[in-house]
N, C-alpha and C. Protein backbone atom coordinates (compact mmCIF):
# COMPACT_ATOMS: atom_id res chain seq x y z
N MET A 1 0.93 -1.19 -0.24
CA MET A 1 0.21 -0.01 0.05
C MET A 1 0.60 1.30 -0.16
N VAL A 2 0.60 2.32 -0.79
CA VAL A 2 1.72 3.78 -0.49
C VAL A 2 0.64 4.54 0.07
N THR A 3 1.10 5.40 0.82
CA THR A 3 0.83 6.35 1.64
C THR A 3 1.21 7.16 1.49
N VAL A 4 1.20 8.82 1.76
CA VAL A 4 1.78 9.81 0.81
C VAL A 4 1.37 10.29 2.84
N CYS A 5 2.92 11.13 2.81
CA CYS A 5 2.65 11.60 4.94
C CYS A 5 2.31 12.85 5.05
N MET A 6 1.86 13.94 4.94
CA MET A 6 1.31 15.55 4.51
C MET A 6 2.29 16.08 6.19
N PRO A 7 2.98 17.08 5.82
CA PRO A 7 3.34 18.06 6.02
C PRO A 7 3.19 19.12 7.20
N PRO A 8 3.09 19.39 8.52
CA PRO A 8 2.13 20.36 8.92
C PRO A 8 1.90 21.47 7.96
N ALA A 9 2.61 22.21 7.09
CA ALA A 9 1.76 23.01 6.66
C ALA A 9 0.67 23.13 5.95
N TYR A 10 -0.05 21.82 5.94
CA TYR A 10 -1.44 21.22 4.63
C TYR A 10 -2.61 20.78 6.04
N VAL A 11 -2.11 21.27 7.26
CA VAL A 11 -2.67 20.78 7.98
C VAL A 11 -4.13 21.80 7.38
N GLY A 12 -5.50 20.75 7.82
CA GLY A 12 -6.81 21.74 7.27
C GLY A 12 -7.18 21.28 5.75
N THR A 13 -6.67 20.71 5.37
CA THR A 13 -6.80 20.02 3.88
C THR A 13 -7.60 18.81 4.15
N ARG A 14 -8.40 18.72 2.64
CA ARG A 14 -8.87 17.53 2.87
C ARG A 14 -7.81 15.72 2.98
N TRP A 15 -6.77 16.54 2.11
CA TRP A 15 -6.08 14.88 2.01
C TRP A 15 -5.26 15.07 3.35
N GLU A 16 -5.44 15.55 4.16
CA GLU A 16 -4.70 15.94 5.78
C GLU A 16 -5.10 15.20 6.52
N GLN A 17 -6.43 15.62 6.94
CA GLN A 17 -7.23 14.48 7.52
C GLN A 17 -7.03 13.25 7.69
N HIS A 18 -6.73 12.95 7.04
CA HIS A 18 -6.92 11.76 7.51
C HIS A 18 -5.27 10.89 7.21
N GLY A 19 -4.12 11.80 7.47
CA GLY A 19 -3.02 11.46 7.82
C GLY A 19 -1.95 11.30 6.18
N HIS A 20 -2.55 11.29 5.10
CA HIS A 20 -2.18 10.92 4.18
C HIS A 20 -3.18 10.23 2.50
N ALA A 21 -2.25 10.17 1.35
CA ALA A 21 -3.70 10.16 0.74
C ALA A 21 -3.50 8.61 0.53
N GLN A 22 -4.74 8.02 -0.17
CA GLN A 22 -4.76 6.70 -0.58
C GLN A 22 -4.46 6.35 -1.84
N PRO A 23 -4.36 5.54 -3.00
CA PRO A 23 -4.24 5.53 -3.55
C PRO A 23 -5.48 5.99 -5.02
N THR A 24 -6.61 5.66 -4.17
CA THR A 24 -7.72 5.50 -4.95
C THR A 24 -7.72 7.47 -4.49
N ASP A 25 -7.26 8.20 -3.83
CA ASP A 25 -6.87 9.63 -3.24
C ASP A 25 -6.51 10.08 -4.81
N LEU A 26 -5.22 9.32 -5.43
CA LEU A 26 -4.43 10.06 -6.85
C LEU A 26 -4.89 9.67 -7.85
N LEU A 27 -5.82 8.96 -7.68
CA LEU A 27 -6.58 8.16 -8.90
C LEU A 27 -7.77 9.29 -9.45
N ALA A 28 -7.91 9.12 -8.16
CA ALA A 28 -9.84 10.63 -7.90
C ALA A 28 -9.49 10.98 -8.47
N PHE A 29 -7.85 12.04 -8.10
CA PHE A 29 -7.53 13.41 -8.02
C PHE A 29 -7.31 13.67 -9.86
N GLU A 30 -6.42 12.79 -10.27
CA GLU A 30 -6.34 12.66 -11.54
C GLU A 30 -7.05 12.65 -12.65
N ALA A 31 -8.23 11.50 -11.94
CA ALA A 31 -9.56 12.01 -13.24
C ALA A 31 -10.51 13.21 -12.51
N ALA A 32 -9.78 13.80 -11.65
CA ALA A 32 -10.51 15.38 -11.64
C ALA A 32 -9.74 16.22 -12.34
N HIS A 33 -8.60 16.32 -12.51
CA HIS A 33 -8.19 17.02 -13.05
C HIS A 33 -6.44 16.42 -14.04
N PRO A 34 -7.89 16.25 -14.96
CA PRO A 34 -6.79 15.60 -16.35
C PRO A 34 -5.61 16.10 -16.90
N GLY A 35 -4.35 15.45 -17.71
CA GLY A 35 -3.96 16.54 -18.48
C GLY A 35 -2.64 17.18 -17.41
N TRP A 36 -2.00 17.96 -17.73
CA TRP A 36 -0.65 18.17 -17.32
C TRP A 36 -0.78 20.38 -17.01
N SER A 37 -0.69 20.77 -16.67
CA SER A 37 -0.62 22.02 -16.57
C SER A 37 0.26 22.51 -14.78
N SER A 38 0.36 23.61 -15.37
CA SER A 38 1.23 24.72 -13.81
C SER A 38 -0.02 24.99 -13.54
N ASN A 39 -0.74 24.48 -13.27
CA ASN A 39 -1.75 25.25 -12.54
C ASN A 39 -2.16 23.79 -11.37
N LYS A 40 -2.55 22.54 -12.86
CA LYS A 40 -2.22 21.75 -12.01
C LYS A 40 -1.21 20.75 -11.11
N GLU A 41 0.04 21.89 -11.30
CA GLU A 41 1.27 21.44 -10.06
C GLU A 41 1.31 22.34 -9.13
N MET A 42 0.03 22.97 -9.16
CA MET A 42 -0.02 24.02 -8.18
C MET A 42 -1.08 23.68 -7.66
N ARG A 43 -2.09 22.96 -7.95
CA ARG A 43 -2.70 22.01 -6.82
C ARG A 43 -2.79 21.47 -6.34
N ILE A 44 -1.01 20.58 -6.81
CA ILE A 44 -0.67 19.25 -6.05
C ILE A 44 0.10 19.69 -5.21
N ARG A 45 0.73 20.65 -4.96
CA ARG A 45 1.52 21.38 -4.45
C ARG A 45 0.54 21.15 -2.85
N HIS A 46 -0.27 22.44 -2.84
CA HIS A 46 -1.25 22.90 -2.26
C HIS A 46 -2.25 21.49 -1.79
N GLU A 47 -2.63 20.88 -2.86
CA GLU A 47 -3.45 19.49 -2.29
C GLU A 47 -3.47 18.53 -1.27
N LEU A 48 -2.16 18.77 -2.00
CA LEU A 48 -1.70 16.47 -1.64
C LEU A 48 -0.61 17.15 -0.78
N GLY A 49 0.38 18.44 -0.45
CA GLY A 49 0.88 18.74 -0.43
C GLY A 49 2.48 17.82 -1.19
N ILE A 50 2.88 17.16 -1.86
CA ILE A 50 3.74 17.23 -2.20
C ILE A 50 4.14 17.47 -4.03
N THR A 51 5.61 16.91 -4.47
CA THR A 51 5.68 18.02 -5.24
C THR A 51 5.50 17.08 -6.58
N PRO A 52 5.16 17.77 -7.42
CA PRO A 52 4.70 17.24 -9.29
C PRO A 52 5.18 15.84 -9.44
N VAL A 53 6.46 15.93 -8.88
CA VAL A 53 7.22 14.73 -9.39
C VAL A 53 6.75 13.66 -8.80
N ARG A 54 6.61 14.24 -7.06
CA ARG A 54 7.03 12.83 -6.24
C ARG A 54 5.41 12.17 -7.06
N TYR A 55 4.40 13.07 -6.99
CA TYR A 55 2.44 12.60 -7.01
C TYR A 55 3.10 11.74 -8.43
N ALA A 56 3.87 11.71 -9.71
CA ALA A 56 3.49 11.17 -10.40
C ALA A 56 4.65 9.72 -10.82
N VAL A 57 5.40 9.27 -9.50
CA VAL A 57 5.44 8.12 -9.27
C VAL A 57 4.65 7.88 -8.44
N LEU A 58 3.88 8.22 -7.44
CA LEU A 58 2.79 7.23 -6.65
C LEU A 58 2.10 7.50 -7.81
N LEU A 59 1.08 7.88 -8.46
CA LEU A 59 -0.19 7.76 -9.24
C LEU A 59 -0.11 6.92 -10.32
N GLU A 60 1.72 6.77 -10.78
CA GLU A 60 1.86 5.65 -11.45
C GLU A 60 1.89 4.16 -10.62
N ARG A 61 2.26 3.96 -9.12
CA ARG A 61 2.01 2.77 -8.87
C ARG A 61 0.65 2.62 -8.26
N ALA A 62 0.07 3.87 -8.62
CA ALA A 62 -1.41 3.80 -7.90
C ALA A 62 -1.96 2.64 -8.64
N ALA A 63 -1.84 3.32 -10.19
CA ALA A 63 -1.99 2.84 -11.75
C ALA A 63 -2.09 1.22 -11.93
N GLU A 64 -0.64 1.04 -10.94
CA GLU A 64 -0.35 -0.60 -11.30
C GLU A 64 -0.66 -1.58 -10.57
N SER A 65 -1.37 -0.90 -9.58
CA SER A 65 -1.62 -1.79 -8.42
C SER A 65 -3.08 -1.49 -8.59
């Protein structure tokens, strides 16, 4: 199982409420925000609390599982 720990700066976001994003959360985020843009990168950083590169790695793992 892949989990993403959220840094304290993201306390209060929906992802932080559970302490980590599950693979299903990443897949749902991708479905809601298909494609790639600078806006999506900002959303990944703000809403998920991870870098876009880390998101891509975790998303690939989630898709393979």
